[in-house]
Amino acid sequence: MSTLTVYNTSKMTREDVLSAWKSWQVRTFVTIWLTYGSFYLCRANMSFALPGLGTEFGLSKTLLGLLGTCLFVMYSLGQFVNGQLGDKFGARKLVFVGMIGSALLNIVFSFSTAFGFMMVVWGLNGYFQSMGWSPQVKTMANWFTVAQRGKWMGLMGSCYQIGNALSWLLASYLAANYGWRSLFWVPAILFLISSAHFVIRLRNAPEEVGLPPIEQLRKIASGEAIETKTGLDPTAAPVCRVTEDKHMGFGYTVQVCLTNPRIWGVSIAFFCLDIIRYGFFYWAPVFLIEVQGATITSAGLTVAVLPIAGSAGSIFCGWATGKFFDNRRAPVVCLCLFGLAIFAYLFYYAPPGAWMLSLFYLAVIGFCTYGAHVLMVGHAAQDFAGRKAAASAAGFIDGFGYMGAAMTGVFTGWLVDNYSWTAGFWYWIIAALIAAFIMLALWRVPVVEQDECD
């Protein structure tokens, strides 16, 4: 039944409905996993372009950091806007537009010669990149129940770590062999191919393929819905009402974000998390090359451990919330953030030349960073806002995160230029500690299934 485009539930048994739902869950997950992982092709490439840009144009670290800040500021603004639009228009339209726009802007950037023009193009790229995450968080909320999200959102979180790692490896290879400009047009071509796959394979919600909404599917699966269609055998599907996945209105989605103190708490903590996350994401290759004497290729192989270990972190932490904390995300996030601060400290003060020890520290940093990250911007957005405002909440939280990332781009560069790498690292460590204490306050907040079909 998985090959059908639209189902007629009036002619389906309970097992048919559940089989179709599970088939589409797998299809939706795989499509989103591949798609969002490919977003990093046209974002992570900049980290390995920085040395070439600095050499060719004589740019200071402050100016190189300003490029990242342009992307992060526009990404942040875009998250606030596109989170709302994601709830209105769905992922299939909005994400596709974002992929096309980002790919074309990367191609344009590859021909840049003026720094001002680079800032404009990379900033616009940030806006189109911001169309990727929030709408797909809503799509996952439409297809998966609260109890299922710990596992499936954790697996989804691995996509952008593995995508990040592969993008870094590709970028380091291209930079070493073909120059920094190739880092932008080669990934862009791959991203365009990914966009075609996405728009063909994805559907925003069960309702779009003729299945009941997720709330009814959960009840059918659990046996809560016991009324069956007249004339069918006892295995028949319960009477279910297939409706449109309606947008609740911008007034509703904005209100959910602005009046929910739990969403505000997660957002402020996420602001701090992205300071250290993007500290390592944006500056780690430069630190390894300049301070530890790594080549650009070896730096690429070394920092790739961050997202690779991060994928394990997102999967494990998503599972742990259901296994040990009754689907509460804050306890696991809190533990990850304290661990992140400790191992960032250990990494910076590791003995010179202790490559294996530094690699281990980076792996733990990646595990803790991305384990906390996906729980905050994925699970928590779905849990605290409900699926009808999941994209808006994810955009709100991620928007705050990228304000922190924007500060990391230029402010870390300024700290390193004017003081030292020590100042930059302590800036990141303090941010992680602040985030940890905020999430500690949410430790006992429960998460429950919601009924919101109407």
Protein backbone atom coordinates (compact mmCIF):
# COMPACT_ATOMS: atom_id res chain seq x y z
CA MET A 1 0.00 0.00 0.00
CA SER A 2 3.00 2.30 0.38
CA THR A 3 2.99 3.13 -3.31
CA LEU A 4 -0.51 4.66 -3.27
CA THR A 5 -0.73 8.44 -3.59
CA VAL A 6 -4.12 8.89 -1.85
CA TYR A 7 -5.90 6.38 0.37
CA ASN A 8 -9.62 5.75 0.89
CA THR A 9 -9.92 4.83 4.56
CA SER A 10 -13.57 3.87 4.18
CA LYS A 11 -12.38 0.73 2.40
CA MET A 12 -9.41 0.00 4.67
CA THR A 13 -9.07 -2.24 7.71
CA ARG A 14 -7.31 -1.11 10.88
CA GLU A 15 -4.18 -3.01 9.81
CA ASP A 16 -4.29 -1.32 6.40
CA VAL A 17 -4.40 2.13 7.97
CA LEU A 18 -1.55 1.39 10.35
CA SER A 19 0.52 -0.19 7.59
CA ALA A 20 0.05 2.84 5.34
CA TRP A 21 0.92 5.19 8.20
CA LYS A 22 4.12 3.32 9.08
CA SER A 23 5.17 3.18 5.42
CA TRP A 24 4.74 6.94 5.06
CA GLN A 25 6.56 7.57 8.32
CA VAL A 26 9.63 5.81 6.95
CA ARG A 27 9.35 7.60 3.59
CA THR A 28 8.94 10.98 5.29
CA PHE A 29 11.84 10.42 7.66
CA VAL A 30 14.27 9.28 4.94
CA THR A 31 13.32 12.21 2.69
CA ILE A 32 13.76 14.77 5.46
CA TRP A 33 16.99 13.16 6.69
CA LEU A 34 18.61 13.34 3.25
CA THR A 35 17.24 16.80 2.53
CA TYR A 36 18.25 18.65 5.66
CA GLY A 37 21.64 16.96 5.71
CA SER A 38 22.24 18.38 2.23
CA PHE A 39 21.57 21.94 3.47
CA TYR A 40 25.04 21.95 4.99
CA LEU A 41 26.62 21.62 1.55
CA CYS A 42 25.87 25.30 1.03
CA ARG A 43 26.55 26.48 4.58
CA ALA A 44 29.44 24.49 6.07
CA ASN A 45 31.60 25.18 3.01
CA MET A 46 32.49 28.66 4.28
CA SER A 47 34.61 27.33 7.17
CA PHE A 48 37.20 25.98 4.72
CA ALA A 49 36.97 28.96 2.41
CA LEU A 50 38.12 31.35 5.18
CA PRO A 51 41.88 30.67 4.89
CA GLY A 52 41.77 31.18 1.11
CA LEU A 53 39.64 34.32 1.39
CA GLY A 54 41.96 35.75 4.04
CA THR A 55 45.04 35.11 1.93
CA GLU A 56 43.66 36.35 -1.39
CA PHE A 57 42.01 39.51 -0.08
CA GLY A 58 44.10 40.21 3.05
CA LEU A 59 41.11 40.02 5.39
CA SER A 60 41.47 40.07 9.19
CA LYS A 61 39.72 37.55 11.41
CA THR A 62 37.24 40.22 12.42
CA LEU A 63 36.22 40.69 8.77
CA LEU A 64 36.17 36.95 8.12
CA GLY A 65 33.97 36.58 11.19
CA LEU A 66 31.70 39.31 9.81
CA LEU A 67 30.90 37.07 6.84
CA GLY A 68 29.61 34.44 9.22
CA THR A 69 27.71 37.05 11.18
CA CYS A 70 25.92 38.20 8.00
CA LEU A 71 24.67 34.67 7.40
CA PHE A 72 23.73 34.14 11.04
CA VAL A 73 21.84 37.44 11.38
CA MET A 74 19.79 36.81 8.25
CA TYR A 75 19.29 33.17 9.26
CA SER A 76 18.00 34.33 12.62
CA LEU A 77 15.57 36.83 11.10
CA GLY A 78 14.53 34.24 8.56
CA GLN A 79 13.75 31.70 11.27
CA PHE A 80 11.29 34.07 12.96
CA VAL A 81 9.58 34.71 9.61
CA ASN A 82 9.83 31.28 8.01
CA GLY A 83 8.78 29.45 11.15
CA GLN A 84 5.43 31.23 10.86
CA LEU A 85 5.29 30.62 7.10
CA GLY A 86 6.14 26.96 7.64
CA ASP A 87 2.98 26.47 9.69
CA LYS A 88 1.00 28.24 6.96
CA PHE A 89 2.42 26.76 3.74
CA GLY A 90 4.14 23.56 4.88
CA ALA A 91 7.59 22.17 4.19
CA ARG A 92 7.06 20.99 0.63
CA LYS A 93 6.74 24.51 -0.78
CA LEU A 94 8.91 26.53 1.59
CA VAL A 95 11.88 24.18 1.85
CA PHE A 96 12.03 23.74 -1.92
CA VAL A 97 12.20 27.52 -2.43
CA GLY A 98 14.95 27.75 0.18
CA MET A 99 17.05 25.05 -1.49
CA ILE A 100 16.87 26.66 -4.92
CA GLY A 101 17.66 30.12 -3.57
CA SER A 102 20.61 28.96 -1.45
CA ALA A 103 22.15 26.93 -4.29
CA LEU A 104 21.97 29.84 -6.72
CA LEU A 105 23.48 32.27 -4.19
CA ASN A 106 26.40 29.91 -3.58
CA ILE A 107 27.11 29.87 -7.31
CA VAL A 108 27.00 33.68 -7.33
CA PHE A 109 29.39 33.83 -4.35
CA SER A 110 31.95 31.74 -6.22
CA PHE A 111 32.43 34.65 -8.65
CA SER A 112 32.73 37.34 -5.94
CA THR A 113 35.67 39.73 -5.81
CA ALA A 114 34.41 42.57 -3.56
CA PHE A 115 34.03 42.03 0.19
CA GLY A 116 30.87 44.13 0.43
CA PHE A 117 29.22 42.03 -2.28
CA MET A 118 30.28 38.86 -0.45
CA MET A 119 28.55 40.09 2.70
CA VAL A 120 25.29 40.73 0.85
CA VAL A 121 25.29 37.38 -0.96
CA TRP A 122 26.24 35.36 2.11
CA GLY A 123 23.64 37.17 4.17
CA LEU A 124 20.93 36.36 1.62
CA ASN A 125 22.13 32.76 1.64
CA GLY A 126 21.45 32.74 5.38
CA TYR A 127 17.84 33.78 4.79
CA PHE A 128 17.19 31.01 2.25
CA GLN A 129 18.99 28.49 4.47
CA SER A 130 16.55 29.40 7.25
CA MET A 131 13.70 27.88 5.25
CA GLY A 132 15.03 24.38 5.88
CA TRP A 133 14.64 23.37 9.51
CA SER A 134 11.41 24.71 11.03
CA PRO A 135 8.96 23.52 8.34
CA GLN A 136 10.45 20.04 8.48
CA VAL A 137 10.11 19.97 12.28
CA LYS A 138 6.40 20.58 11.74
CA THR A 139 6.25 17.80 9.15
CA MET A 140 7.81 15.38 11.63
CA ALA A 141 5.26 16.47 14.25
CA ASN A 142 2.48 15.79 11.74
CA TRP A 143 3.65 12.22 11.12
CA PHE A 144 4.99 11.11 14.55
CA THR A 145 3.43 10.99 18.02
CA VAL A 146 5.06 12.44 21.15
CA ALA A 147 6.13 8.96 22.27
CA GLN A 148 7.71 8.29 18.87
CA ARG A 149 9.54 11.61 18.62
CA GLY A 150 12.31 10.74 21.08
CA LYS A 151 13.58 8.05 18.73
CA TRP A 152 12.71 9.54 15.33
CA MET A 153 13.68 13.16 16.04
CA GLY A 154 16.92 11.90 17.54
CA LEU A 155 17.59 10.02 14.32
CA MET A 156 16.59 13.10 12.34
CA GLY A 157 19.08 15.14 14.34
CA SER A 158 21.89 12.95 13.04
CA CYS A 159 21.25 14.17 9.50
CA TYR A 160 22.79 17.58 9.93
CA GLN A 161 25.79 16.24 11.84
CA ILE A 162 26.58 13.68 9.14
CA GLY A 163 25.72 16.24 6.47
CA ASN A 164 28.04 18.69 8.19
CA ALA A 165 30.88 16.15 8.38
CA LEU A 166 30.55 15.12 4.73
CA SER A 167 30.29 18.76 3.66
CA TRP A 168 33.46 19.60 5.56
CA LEU A 169 35.30 16.66 4.03
CA LEU A 170 34.19 17.70 0.54
CA ALA A 171 35.07 21.33 1.23
CA SER A 172 38.54 20.51 2.58
CA TYR A 173 39.25 18.34 -0.48
CA LEU A 174 38.07 21.02 -2.89
CA ALA A 175 39.98 23.79 -1.09
CA ALA A 176 43.21 21.78 -1.09
CA ASN A 177 42.99 20.82 -4.77
CA TYR A 178 40.89 23.40 -6.63
CA GLY A 179 40.85 26.62 -4.61
CA TRP A 180 38.21 28.30 -2.45
CA ARG A 181 35.84 29.21 -5.29
CA SER A 182 35.14 25.55 -6.05
CA LEU A 183 33.77 25.19 -2.52
CA PHE A 184 30.66 27.09 -3.59
CA TRP A 185 29.64 25.92 -7.04
CA VAL A 186 30.27 22.17 -6.62
CA PRO A 187 28.11 21.83 -3.46
CA ALA A 188 25.46 24.03 -5.10
CA ILE A 189 25.00 21.56 -7.96
CA LEU A 190 24.59 18.69 -5.49
CA PHE A 191 22.08 20.77 -3.51
CA LEU A 192 19.95 21.39 -6.60
CA ILE A 193 19.75 17.64 -7.19
CA SER A 194 18.64 17.16 -3.59
CA SER A 195 15.88 19.74 -4.01
CA ALA A 196 14.31 17.76 -6.86
CA HIS A 197 14.29 14.58 -4.76
CA PHE A 198 12.68 16.43 -1.85
CA VAL A 199 9.74 17.96 -3.68
CA ILE A 200 8.92 14.65 -5.38
CA ARG A 201 9.03 12.48 -2.26
CA LEU A 202 7.59 14.57 0.59
CA ARG A 203 4.01 15.13 1.76
CA ASN A 204 3.40 17.52 4.63
CA ALA A 205 0.92 15.49 6.69
CA PRO A 206 -1.10 12.25 6.73
CA GLU A 207 -4.16 14.23 5.65
CA GLU A 208 -2.50 14.98 2.29
CA VAL A 209 -2.49 11.27 1.38
CA GLY A 210 -6.00 10.55 2.66
CA LEU A 211 -5.04 9.25 6.11
CA PRO A 212 -6.47 10.54 9.41
CA PRO A 213 -4.49 13.16 11.40
CA ILE A 214 -1.80 12.01 13.80
CA GLU A 215 -4.04 12.29 16.88
CA GLN A 216 -6.50 9.77 15.42
CA LEU A 217 -3.73 7.53 14.15
CA ARG A 218 -2.27 7.38 17.66
CA LYS A 219 -5.64 6.32 19.07
CA ILE A 220 -6.12 3.70 16.35
CA ALA A 221 -2.67 2.26 17.06
CA SER A 222 -3.23 2.16 20.83
CA GLY A 223 -6.75 0.79 20.63
CA GLU A 224 -8.29 3.88 22.24
CA ALA A 225 -10.62 4.38 19.26
CA ILE A 226 -12.98 1.40 19.50
CA GLU A 227 -15.92 2.42 17.30
CA THR A 228 -15.79 0.52 13.98
CA LYS A 229 -17.48 0.94 10.65
CA THR A 230 -20.83 -0.81 10.30
CA GLY A 231 -20.75 -3.95 8.21
CA LEU A 232 -17.02 -4.61 8.53
CA ASP A 233 -15.33 -7.27 10.65
CA PRO A 234 -13.85 -6.52 14.11
CA THR A 235 -10.44 -5.85 12.58
CA ALA A 236 -11.86 -2.91 10.62
CA ALA A 237 -10.45 0.53 11.20
CA PRO A 238 -12.25 2.72 13.72
CA VAL A 239 -14.45 5.47 12.33
CA CYS A 240 -12.03 8.27 11.56
CA ARG A 241 -12.51 11.71 10.13
CA VAL A 242 -10.01 12.64 7.41
CA THR A 243 -9.66 16.41 7.39
CA GLU A 244 -7.38 19.06 5.97
CA ASP A 245 -4.25 19.94 7.93
CA LYS A 246 -5.53 23.46 8.64
CA HIS A 247 -3.39 26.43 9.62
CA MET A 248 -4.62 27.84 12.93
CA GLY A 249 -3.84 31.42 11.91
CA PHE A 250 -0.84 33.66 12.55
CA GLY A 251 -2.51 35.08 15.65
CA TYR A 252 -2.52 31.62 17.21
CA THR A 253 1.04 30.63 16.24
CA VAL A 254 2.52 33.97 17.29
CA GLN A 255 0.67 33.84 20.61
CA VAL A 256 1.94 30.33 21.32
CA CYS A 257 5.54 31.50 20.90
CA LEU A 258 5.28 34.82 22.74
CA THR A 259 3.23 33.72 25.75
CA ASN A 260 4.75 30.33 26.58
CA PRO A 261 7.47 30.76 29.25
CA ARG A 262 8.88 27.30 28.49
CA ILE A 263 9.51 28.24 24.86
CA TRP A 264 11.18 31.45 26.06
CA GLY A 265 13.41 29.50 28.44
CA VAL A 266 14.49 27.06 25.75
CA SER A 267 15.06 29.96 23.33
CA ILE A 268 17.37 31.87 25.67
CA ALA A 269 19.31 28.70 26.51
CA PHE A 270 19.55 27.92 22.80
CA PHE A 271 20.95 31.41 22.19
CA CYS A 272 23.80 30.48 24.52
CA LEU A 273 24.25 26.98 23.07
CA ASP A 274 24.71 28.31 19.54
CA ILE A 275 27.45 30.63 20.76
CA ILE A 276 29.67 27.65 21.54
CA ARG A 277 28.24 25.40 18.83
CA TYR A 278 29.12 27.85 16.10
CA GLY A 279 32.33 28.77 17.89
CA PHE A 280 33.55 25.29 17.04
CA PHE A 281 31.63 25.03 13.76
CA TYR A 282 33.01 28.29 12.33
CA TRP A 283 36.39 28.70 14.01
CA ALA A 284 37.69 25.20 14.80
CA PRO A 285 39.37 24.71 11.39
CA VAL A 286 41.14 28.07 11.72
CA PHE A 287 42.23 27.27 15.29
CA LEU A 288 43.67 23.90 14.27
CA ILE A 289 45.53 25.36 11.28
CA GLU A 290 46.96 28.42 13.06
CA VAL A 291 47.53 27.19 16.61
CA GLN A 292 48.15 23.46 16.23
CA GLY A 293 49.83 23.62 12.82
CA ALA A 294 47.41 21.32 11.02
CA THR A 295 47.17 21.29 7.24
CA ILE A 296 43.83 22.19 5.71
CA THR A 297 43.20 18.53 4.86
CA SER A 298 44.09 17.22 8.32
CA ALA A 299 42.01 19.97 9.91
CA GLY A 300 39.06 18.81 7.85
CA LEU A 301 39.51 15.22 8.99
CA THR A 302 39.91 16.32 12.62
CA VAL A 303 36.88 18.60 12.91
CA ALA A 304 34.73 16.05 11.10
CA VAL A 305 34.68 14.14 14.40
CA LEU A 306 32.47 16.92 15.86
CA PRO A 307 29.38 16.21 13.76
CA ILE A 308 30.07 12.47 13.51
CA ALA A 309 30.09 12.12 17.29
CA GLY A 310 27.22 14.59 17.34
CA SER A 311 25.07 12.21 15.32
CA ALA A 312 25.59 9.57 18.00
CA GLY A 313 24.71 12.19 20.61
CA SER A 314 21.44 13.17 18.96
CA ILE A 315 20.34 9.54 18.56
CA PHE A 316 21.33 8.51 22.09
CA CYS A 317 19.90 11.58 23.78
CA GLY A 318 16.59 11.31 21.96
CA TRP A 319 16.33 7.69 23.08
CA ALA A 320 17.39 8.56 26.64
CA THR A 321 14.56 11.08 27.13
CA GLY A 322 11.99 8.34 26.61
CA LYS A 323 13.92 5.60 28.40
CA PHE A 324 14.87 7.44 31.59
CA PHE A 325 12.87 10.68 31.82
CA ASP A 326 9.32 9.93 30.56
CA ASN A 327 9.88 11.99 27.37
CA ARG A 328 11.14 15.03 29.32
CA ARG A 329 13.92 16.65 27.28
CA ALA A 330 15.34 19.18 29.79
CA PRO A 331 17.24 16.72 32.04
CA VAL A 332 19.25 15.28 29.16
CA VAL A 333 19.85 18.74 27.69
CA CYS A 334 21.09 20.01 31.04
CA LEU A 335 23.57 17.16 31.48
CA CYS A 336 24.86 17.65 27.92
CA LEU A 337 25.43 21.37 28.44
CA PHE A 338 27.43 20.92 31.64
CA GLY A 339 29.48 18.26 29.84
CA LEU A 340 30.02 20.59 26.90
CA ALA A 341 31.45 23.35 29.12
CA ILE A 342 33.80 20.92 30.89
CA PHE A 343 35.19 19.33 27.72
CA ALA A 344 35.56 22.65 25.88
CA TYR A 345 37.80 23.71 28.76
CA LEU A 346 39.77 20.45 28.60
CA PHE A 347 40.18 20.71 24.82
CA TYR A 348 41.68 24.20 24.90
CA TYR A 349 44.09 23.39 27.74
CA ALA A 350 45.12 19.98 26.38
CA PRO A 351 48.92 19.53 26.15
CA PRO A 352 50.40 20.64 22.79
CA GLY A 353 50.84 17.73 20.40
CA ALA A 354 48.37 15.48 22.22
CA TRP A 355 46.41 14.76 19.05
CA MET A 356 44.52 11.69 20.25
CA LEU A 357 43.48 13.38 23.49
CA SER A 358 42.30 16.46 21.60
CA LEU A 359 40.40 14.26 19.15
CA PHE A 360 38.66 12.51 22.06
CA TYR A 361 37.72 15.86 23.61
CA LEU A 362 36.33 17.06 20.28
CA ALA A 363 34.25 13.90 19.98
CA VAL A 364 32.69 14.46 23.42
CA ILE A 365 32.10 18.12 22.55
CA GLY A 366 30.28 17.05 19.40
CA PHE A 367 28.25 14.44 21.31
CA CYS A 368 27.13 16.94 23.97
CA THR A 369 26.55 19.82 21.56
CA TYR A 370 24.30 18.05 19.10
CA GLY A 371 22.65 15.84 21.70
CA ALA A 372 21.35 18.98 23.38
CA HIS A 373 20.80 20.83 20.12
CA VAL A 374 18.21 18.60 18.48
CA LEU A 375 16.30 18.14 21.76
CA MET A 376 15.94 21.91 22.11
CA VAL A 377 15.15 22.99 18.57
CA GLY A 378 13.29 19.84 17.56
CA HIS A 379 11.69 17.88 20.39
CA ALA A 380 11.05 20.82 22.72
CA ALA A 381 9.49 22.93 19.96
CA GLN A 382 7.06 20.11 19.14
CA ASP A 383 6.35 19.25 22.79
CA PHE A 384 5.72 22.76 24.13
CA ALA A 385 3.93 24.25 21.10
CA GLY A 386 2.03 21.25 19.71
CA ARG A 387 2.11 20.24 16.07
CA LYS A 388 -0.11 23.12 14.89
CA ALA A 389 2.56 25.63 15.93
CA ALA A 390 5.64 23.38 15.77
CA ALA A 391 7.29 25.22 12.88
CA SER A 392 6.67 28.60 14.51
CA ALA A 393 8.17 27.44 17.81
CA ALA A 394 11.14 25.81 16.09
CA GLY A 395 11.74 29.02 14.13
CA PHE A 396 11.43 31.10 17.30
CA ILE A 397 13.92 28.94 19.20
CA ASP A 398 16.32 28.63 16.26
CA GLY A 399 16.06 32.37 15.60
CA PHE A 400 17.40 33.03 19.09
CA GLY A 401 20.10 30.46 18.49
CA TYR A 402 21.35 32.20 15.40
CA MET A 403 21.47 35.53 17.19
CA GLY A 404 23.99 33.78 19.42
CA ALA A 405 25.75 32.38 16.37
CA ALA A 406 25.91 35.88 14.89
CA MET A 407 27.70 37.11 18.01
CA THR A 408 30.13 34.21 17.76
CA GLY A 409 31.12 35.05 14.18
CA VAL A 410 32.37 38.60 14.60
CA PHE A 411 32.83 38.76 18.40
CA THR A 412 35.02 35.65 18.60
CA GLY A 413 37.10 37.04 15.73
CA TRP A 414 37.44 40.36 17.59
CA LEU A 415 38.42 38.62 20.84
CA VAL A 416 41.10 36.56 19.08
CA ASP A 417 42.42 39.59 17.16
CA ASN A 418 42.62 41.81 20.24
CA TYR A 419 43.30 39.37 23.06
CA SER A 420 43.88 35.69 22.29
CA TRP A 421 42.23 32.38 21.62
CA THR A 422 41.92 32.04 25.40
CA ALA A 423 39.37 34.87 25.49
CA GLY A 424 37.42 33.28 22.64
CA PHE A 425 37.22 29.89 24.33
CA TRP A 426 36.16 31.31 27.69
CA TYR A 427 33.40 33.23 25.90
CA TRP A 428 32.09 29.90 24.58
CA ILE A 429 32.46 28.06 27.92
CA ILE A 430 30.56 30.69 29.91
CA ALA A 431 27.74 30.60 27.34
CA ALA A 432 27.42 26.82 27.76
CA LEU A 433 27.21 27.15 31.55
CA ILE A 434 24.48 29.80 31.35
CA ALA A 435 22.44 27.54 29.03
CA ALA A 436 22.89 24.60 31.42
CA PHE A 437 21.51 26.49 34.41
CA ILE A 438 18.49 27.72 32.42
CA MET A 439 17.61 24.17 31.36
CA LEU A 440 18.09 23.01 34.95
CA ALA A 441 15.07 25.18 35.82
CA LEU A 442 12.96 23.18 33.32
CA TRP A 443 14.10 19.78 34.61
CA ARG A 444 10.71 18.63 35.93
CA VAL A 445 8.42 20.04 33.22
CA PRO A 446 6.23 17.16 31.92
CA VAL A 447 5.40 16.35 28.29
CA VAL A 448 1.97 14.95 27.34
CA GLU A 449 0.19 13.89 24.15
CA GLN A 450 -2.24 16.50 22.81
CA ASP A 451 -5.59 16.22 21.01
CA GLU A 452 -5.81 19.05 18.49
CA CYS A 453 -7.40 17.66 15.35
CA ASP A 454 -9.76 20.56 14.79
